[in-house]
Amino acid sequence: MTASTDTLQTITLGGGCFWCTEAVYVQVKGVLDVESGYTNGRVRNPSYEQVCTGSTGHNEVVKLVYDPAQISTREVLEIFFVIHDPTTLNRQGNDSGTQYRSGIYFSTPEQQAVAQEVIAEMAASGTYSRPIVTEVVALDNYWAAEEYHQDYFERNPNQGYCMAVAAPKVAKFRKTFSRLQKH
């Protein structure tokens, strides 16, 4: 069964390098489209090289289109918090700079509320030993990344960064959320 486009939701997530985040979400049941891109910066249509300088204010993100009848916003965000470290400001592993900040860029007030609720629950539960620094703001000034960034992990599974960083995130998703994996 396919969902009609008026029931689909879009949310955009920044969890470090978009190759890693995209590699996970393309495998999630109910996620119908994953696009790597840049958001919430000051420059119109920035290039990867511009974003990498940190001067544009953009974040490397993935824009997800999902069917809430198959996967809830909460589940999308639970995956997000397992596959990256939301406690490191402007950093994921060896990648550092504002373009690697942890961020949830919502497109509806309901998504904002769910994001804030999930973060509050994790903070109260002591899931992390440090404070969560994930920004929760409305999506603004989004641009798709260059074509060579799209489906990068799928096309380059043996590339060093993909093997060292993306592959373990995919494995962690599969282990933790096997029920949400596409078959």
C-alpha atoms as a PDB file:
ATOM      1  CA  MET A   1       0.000   0.000   0.000  1.00  0.00           C
ATOM      2  CA  THR A   2       1.324   3.431  -0.852  1.00  0.00           C
ATOM      3  CA  ALA A   3       0.550   6.580   1.056  1.00  0.00           C
ATOM      4  CA  SER A   4      -0.955   9.579  -0.612  1.00  0.00           C
ATOM      5  CA  THR A   5       1.366  12.547  -0.719  1.00  0.00           C
ATOM      6  CA  ASP A   6      -0.895  14.583   1.575  1.00  0.00           C
ATOM      7  CA  THR A   7      -0.251  12.145   4.436  1.00  0.00           C
ATOM      8  CA  LEU A   8       3.532  12.126   4.091  1.00  0.00           C
ATOM      9  CA  GLN A   9       5.774  14.088   6.455  1.00  0.00           C
ATOM     10  CA  THR A  10       9.162  15.724   5.888  1.00  0.00           C
ATOM     11  CA  ILE A  11      11.758  16.277   8.602  1.00  0.00           C
ATOM     12  CA  THR A  12      15.401  17.258   8.225  1.00  0.00           C
ATOM     13  CA  LEU A  13      18.148  15.990  10.524  1.00  0.00           C
ATOM     14  CA  GLY A  14      21.753  17.004  11.106  1.00  0.00           C
ATOM     15  CA  GLY A  15      23.785  14.287  12.762  1.00  0.00           C
ATOM     16  CA  GLY A  16      27.293  14.919  11.475  1.00  0.00           C
ATOM     17  CA  CYS A  17      28.362  13.893   7.997  1.00  0.00           C
ATOM     18  CA  PHE A  18      25.303  13.414   5.829  1.00  0.00           C
ATOM     19  CA  TRP A  19      26.773  10.289   4.197  1.00  0.00           C
ATOM     20  CA  CYS A  20      26.469   8.430   7.509  1.00  0.00           C
ATOM     21  CA  THR A  21      22.984   9.631   8.371  1.00  0.00           C
ATOM     22  CA  GLU A  22      21.710   8.936   4.861  1.00  0.00           C
ATOM     23  CA  ALA A  23      23.235   5.419   4.924  1.00  0.00           C
ATOM     24  CA  VAL A  24      21.011   4.554   7.884  1.00  0.00           C
ATOM     25  CA  TYR A  25      17.745   6.186   6.874  1.00  0.00           C
ATOM     26  CA  VAL A  26      17.637   4.651   3.378  1.00  0.00           C
ATOM     27  CA  GLN A  27      17.202   1.334   5.219  1.00  0.00           C
ATOM     28  CA  VAL A  28      14.332   2.458   7.467  1.00  0.00           C
ATOM     29  CA  LYS A  29      10.855   1.078   6.801  1.00  0.00           C
ATOM     30  CA  GLY A  30       8.440   3.922   6.099  1.00  0.00           C
ATOM     31  CA  VAL A  31      11.155   6.367   4.999  1.00  0.00           C
ATOM     32  CA  LEU A  32      10.351   6.918   1.340  1.00  0.00           C
ATOM     33  CA  ASP A  33      13.043   9.405   0.330  1.00  0.00           C
ATOM     34  CA  VAL A  34      16.359  10.534   1.794  1.00  0.00           C
ATOM     35  CA  GLU A  35      18.216  13.499   0.341  1.00  0.00           C
ATOM     36  CA  SER A  36      21.540  14.889   1.543  1.00  0.00           C
ATOM     37  CA  GLY A  37      21.655  18.658   1.725  1.00  0.00           C
ATOM     38  CA  TYR A  38      22.496  21.845   3.574  1.00  0.00           C
ATOM     39  CA  THR A  39      20.181  23.895   5.748  1.00  0.00           C
ATOM     40  CA  ASN A  40      19.717  26.819   8.096  1.00  0.00           C
ATOM     41  CA  GLY A  41      22.565  28.911   6.796  1.00  0.00           C
ATOM     42  CA  ARG A  42      22.865  32.354   5.248  1.00  0.00           C
ATOM     43  CA  VAL A  43      23.984  31.592   1.674  1.00  0.00           C
ATOM     44  CA  ARG A  44      21.645  30.684  -1.171  1.00  0.00           C
ATOM     45  CA  ASN A  45      22.522  27.389  -2.870  1.00  0.00           C
ATOM     46  CA  PRO A  46      25.905  26.855  -1.159  1.00  0.00           C
ATOM     47  CA  SER A  47      28.487  24.428  -2.495  1.00  0.00           C
ATOM     48  CA  TYR A  48      30.002  21.635  -0.418  1.00  0.00           C
ATOM     49  CA  GLU A  49      33.289  23.543  -0.402  1.00  0.00           C
ATOM     50  CA  GLN A  50      31.568  26.657   0.977  1.00  0.00           C
ATOM     51  CA  VAL A  51      29.723  24.703   3.661  1.00  0.00           C
ATOM     52  CA  CYS A  52      32.968  22.956   4.709  1.00  0.00           C
ATOM     53  CA  THR A  53      34.525  26.317   5.600  1.00  0.00           C
ATOM     54  CA  GLY A  54      31.874  26.783   8.292  1.00  0.00           C
ATOM     55  CA  SER A  55      31.307  30.338   7.109  1.00  0.00           C
ATOM     56  CA  THR A  56      27.860  29.831   5.530  1.00  0.00           C
ATOM     57  CA  GLY A  57      26.112  28.780   8.736  1.00  0.00           C
ATOM     58  CA  HIS A  58      24.676  25.716   6.991  1.00  0.00           C
ATOM     59  CA  ASN A  59      24.499  22.273   8.518  1.00  0.00           C
ATOM     60  CA  GLU A  60      25.063  19.009   6.617  1.00  0.00           C
ATOM     61  CA  VAL A  61      21.689  17.281   6.848  1.00  0.00           C
ATOM     62  CA  VAL A  62      19.412  14.645   5.426  1.00  0.00           C
ATOM     63  CA  LYS A  63      15.876  15.541   4.437  1.00  0.00           C
ATOM     64  CA  LEU A  64      13.552  12.611   5.071  1.00  0.00           C
ATOM     65  CA  VAL A  65      10.140  12.031   3.539  1.00  0.00           C
ATOM     66  CA  TYR A  66       8.313   9.420   5.583  1.00  0.00           C
ATOM     67  CA  ASP A  67       4.912   7.833   5.949  1.00  0.00           C
ATOM     68  CA  PRO A  68       3.637   8.293   9.525  1.00  0.00           C
ATOM     69  CA  ALA A  69       1.346   5.281   9.015  1.00  0.00           C
ATOM     70  CA  GLN A  70       4.518   3.146   8.820  1.00  0.00           C
ATOM     71  CA  ILE A  71       6.933   4.998  11.122  1.00  0.00           C
ATOM     72  CA  SER A  72       6.228   7.706  13.667  1.00  0.00           C
ATOM     73  CA  THR A  73       8.153  10.931  14.104  1.00  0.00           C
ATOM     74  CA  ARG A  74       9.175   9.612  17.518  1.00  0.00           C
ATOM     75  CA  GLU A  75      10.684   6.478  15.949  1.00  0.00           C
ATOM     76  CA  VAL A  76      12.506   8.559  13.312  1.00  0.00           C
ATOM     77  CA  LEU A  77      14.023  10.602  16.151  1.00  0.00           C
ATOM     78  CA  GLU A  78      14.816   7.588  18.343  1.00  0.00           C
ATOM     79  CA  ILE A  79      16.930   6.232  15.481  1.00  0.00           C
ATOM     80  CA  PHE A  80      18.578   9.651  15.103  1.00  0.00           C
ATOM     81  CA  PHE A  81      19.649   9.754  18.739  1.00  0.00           C
ATOM     82  CA  VAL A  82      21.127   6.256  18.592  1.00  0.00           C
ATOM     83  CA  ILE A  83      23.234   6.829  15.461  1.00  0.00           C
ATOM     84  CA  HIS A  84      24.982  10.048  16.492  1.00  0.00           C
ATOM     85  CA  ASP A  85      26.232  11.813  19.607  1.00  0.00           C
ATOM     86  CA  PRO A  86      23.852  14.675  20.473  1.00  0.00           C
ATOM     87  CA  THR A  87      26.123  15.890  23.288  1.00  0.00           C
ATOM     88  CA  THR A  88      29.055  17.179  21.245  1.00  0.00           C
ATOM     89  CA  LEU A  89      28.719  20.762  20.096  1.00  0.00           C
ATOM     90  CA  ASN A  90      29.638  21.197  16.427  1.00  0.00           C
ATOM     91  CA  ARG A  91      31.335  17.812  16.252  1.00  0.00           C
ATOM     92  CA  GLN A  92      30.726  14.183  15.344  1.00  0.00           C
ATOM     93  CA  GLY A  93      33.787  12.009  15.820  1.00  0.00           C
ATOM     94  CA  ASN A  94      36.686  13.567  13.913  1.00  0.00           C
ATOM     95  CA  ASP A  95      34.391  15.887  11.951  1.00  0.00           C
ATOM     96  CA  SER A  96      34.269  19.306  13.574  1.00  0.00           C
ATOM     97  CA  GLY A  97      32.693  22.621  12.689  1.00  0.00           C
ATOM     98  CA  THR A  98      29.232  24.163  12.788  1.00  0.00           C
ATOM     99  CA  GLN A  99      28.306  22.198   9.660  1.00  0.00           C
ATOM    100  CA  TYR A 100      28.381  19.015  11.796  1.00  0.00           C
ATOM    101  CA  ARG A 101      26.096  20.247  14.575  1.00  0.00           C
ATOM    102  CA  SER A 102      23.317  18.080  15.921  1.00  0.00           C
ATOM    103  CA  GLY A 103      20.019  19.458  14.695  1.00  0.00           C
ATOM    104  CA  ILE A 104      16.377  18.659  14.135  1.00  0.00           C
ATOM    105  CA  TYR A 105      14.799  20.949  11.536  1.00  0.00           C
ATOM    106  CA  PHE A 106      11.066  20.502  11.764  1.00  0.00           C
ATOM    107  CA  SER A 107       8.411  21.276   9.175  1.00  0.00           C
ATOM    108  CA  THR A 108       5.383  21.086  11.498  1.00  0.00           C
ATOM    109  CA  PRO A 109       4.648  22.221  15.064  1.00  0.00           C
ATOM    110  CA  GLU A 110       3.863  18.588  15.915  1.00  0.00           C
ATOM    111  CA  GLN A 111       7.388  17.520  14.916  1.00  0.00           C
ATOM    112  CA  GLN A 112       8.814  20.294  17.074  1.00  0.00           C
ATOM    113  CA  ALA A 113       6.774  19.096  20.055  1.00  0.00           C
ATOM    114  CA  VAL A 114       7.834  15.462  19.586  1.00  0.00           C
ATOM    115  CA  ALA A 115      11.499  16.470  19.259  1.00  0.00           C
ATOM    116  CA  GLN A 116      11.388  18.544  22.429  1.00  0.00           C
ATOM    117  CA  GLU A 117       9.576  15.742  24.255  1.00  0.00           C
ATOM    118  CA  VAL A 118      12.115  13.086  23.204  1.00  0.00           C
ATOM    119  CA  ILE A 119      15.028  15.315  24.216  1.00  0.00           C
ATOM    120  CA  ALA A 120      13.434  16.082  27.596  1.00  0.00           C
ATOM    121  CA  GLU A 121      12.817  12.381  28.236  1.00  0.00           C
ATOM    122  CA  MET A 122      16.408  11.474  27.372  1.00  0.00           C
ATOM    123  CA  ALA A 123      17.777  14.279  29.532  1.00  0.00           C
ATOM    124  CA  ALA A 124      15.618  13.189  32.479  1.00  0.00           C
ATOM    125  CA  SER A 125      16.534   9.515  32.070  1.00  0.00           C
ATOM    126  CA  GLY A 126      20.279  10.119  32.145  1.00  0.00           C
ATOM    127  CA  THR A 127      20.709   8.408  28.776  1.00  0.00           C
ATOM    128  CA  TYR A 128      23.760  10.619  28.208  1.00  0.00           C
ATOM    129  CA  SER A 129      26.350  11.679  30.754  1.00  0.00           C
ATOM    130  CA  ARG A 130      26.594  15.153  29.169  1.00  0.00           C
ATOM    131  CA  PRO A 131      23.859  17.638  28.213  1.00  0.00           C
ATOM    132  CA  ILE A 132      22.143  17.226  24.846  1.00  0.00           C
ATOM    133  CA  VAL A 133      23.062  20.123  22.537  1.00  0.00           C
ATOM    134  CA  THR A 134      20.772  19.243  19.614  1.00  0.00           C
ATOM    135  CA  GLU A 135      19.147  22.350  18.182  1.00  0.00           C
ATOM    136  CA  VAL A 136      15.439  22.119  17.385  1.00  0.00           C
ATOM    137  CA  VAL A 137      14.475  24.829  14.901  1.00  0.00           C
ATOM    138  CA  ALA A 138      12.261  25.278  11.873  1.00  0.00           C
ATOM    139  CA  LEU A 139      13.727  24.246   8.525  1.00  0.00           C
ATOM    140  CA  ASP A 140      15.068  27.291   6.671  1.00  0.00           C
ATOM    141  CA  ASN A 141      17.092  27.876   3.510  1.00  0.00           C
ATOM    142  CA  TYR A 142      17.426  24.190   2.554  1.00  0.00           C
ATOM    143  CA  TRP A 143      19.403  23.186  -0.525  1.00  0.00           C
ATOM    144  CA  ALA A 144      20.077  19.719  -1.913  1.00  0.00           C
ATOM    145  CA  ALA A 145      23.731  18.702  -1.868  1.00  0.00           C
ATOM    146  CA  GLU A 146      25.551  18.016  -5.097  1.00  0.00           C
ATOM    147  CA  GLU A 147      24.599  14.809  -6.925  1.00  0.00           C
ATOM    148  CA  TYR A 148      27.854  13.035  -6.008  1.00  0.00           C
ATOM    149  CA  HIS A 149      26.850  13.208  -2.313  1.00  0.00           C
ATOM    150  CA  GLN A 150      23.522  11.455  -2.880  1.00  0.00           C
ATOM    151  CA  ASP A 151      23.539   7.720  -2.029  1.00  0.00           C
ATOM    152  CA  TYR A 152      27.253   8.055  -1.295  1.00  0.00           C
ATOM    153  CA  PHE A 153      27.560   5.077   1.049  1.00  0.00           C
ATOM    154  CA  GLU A 154      25.604   2.831  -1.291  1.00  0.00           C
ATOM    155  CA  ARG A 155      27.866   3.766  -4.210  1.00  0.00           C
ATOM    156  CA  ASN A 156      31.137   3.776  -2.200  1.00  0.00           C
ATOM    157  CA  PRO A 157      30.883   1.115   0.550  1.00  0.00           C
ATOM    158  CA  ASN A 158      34.614   0.369   0.433  1.00  0.00           C
ATOM    159  CA  GLN A 159      35.732   3.989   0.692  1.00  0.00           C
ATOM    160  CA  GLY A 160      37.744   4.467   3.906  1.00  0.00           C
ATOM    161  CA  TYR A 161      35.409   6.936   5.622  1.00  0.00           C
ATOM    162  CA  CYS A 162      32.382   4.816   4.750  1.00  0.00           C
ATOM    163  CA  MET A 163      34.003   1.678   6.176  1.00  0.00           C
ATOM    164  CA  ALA A 164      35.268   3.399   9.329  1.00  0.00           C
ATOM    165  CA  VAL A 165      32.349   5.704  10.167  1.00  0.00           C
ATOM    166  CA  ALA A 166      29.195   5.002   8.154  1.00  0.00           C
ATOM    167  CA  ALA A 167      29.252   1.193   8.245  1.00  0.00           C
ATOM    168  CA  PRO A 168      29.317   1.007  12.081  1.00  0.00           C
ATOM    169  CA  LYS A 169      26.325   3.384  12.258  1.00  0.00           C
ATOM    170  CA  VAL A 170      24.405   1.199   9.827  1.00  0.00           C
ATOM    171  CA  ALA A 171      25.305  -1.893  11.885  1.00  0.00           C
ATOM    172  CA  LYS A 172      24.173  -0.166  15.087  1.00  0.00           C
ATOM    173  CA  PHE A 173      20.851   0.745  13.475  1.00  0.00           C
ATOM    174  CA  ARG A 174      20.317  -2.831  12.269  1.00  0.00           C
ATOM    175  CA  LYS A 175      21.076  -4.242  15.711  1.00  0.00           C
ATOM    176  CA  THR A 176      19.015  -1.720  17.695  1.00  0.00           C
ATOM    177  CA  PHE A 177      16.072  -1.238  15.323  1.00  0.00           C
ATOM    178  CA  SER A 178      15.786  -4.475  13.333  1.00  0.00           C
ATOM    179  CA  ARG A 179      11.980  -4.187  13.467  1.00  0.00           C
ATOM    180  CA  LEU A 180      12.202  -0.897  11.531  1.00  0.00           C
ATOM    181  CA  GLN A 181      14.533  -2.155   8.817  1.00  0.00           C
ATOM    182  CA  LYS A 182      13.294  -2.476   5.236  1.00  0.00           C
ATOM    183  CA  HIS A 183      13.307  -6.043   3.973  1.00  0.00           C
END
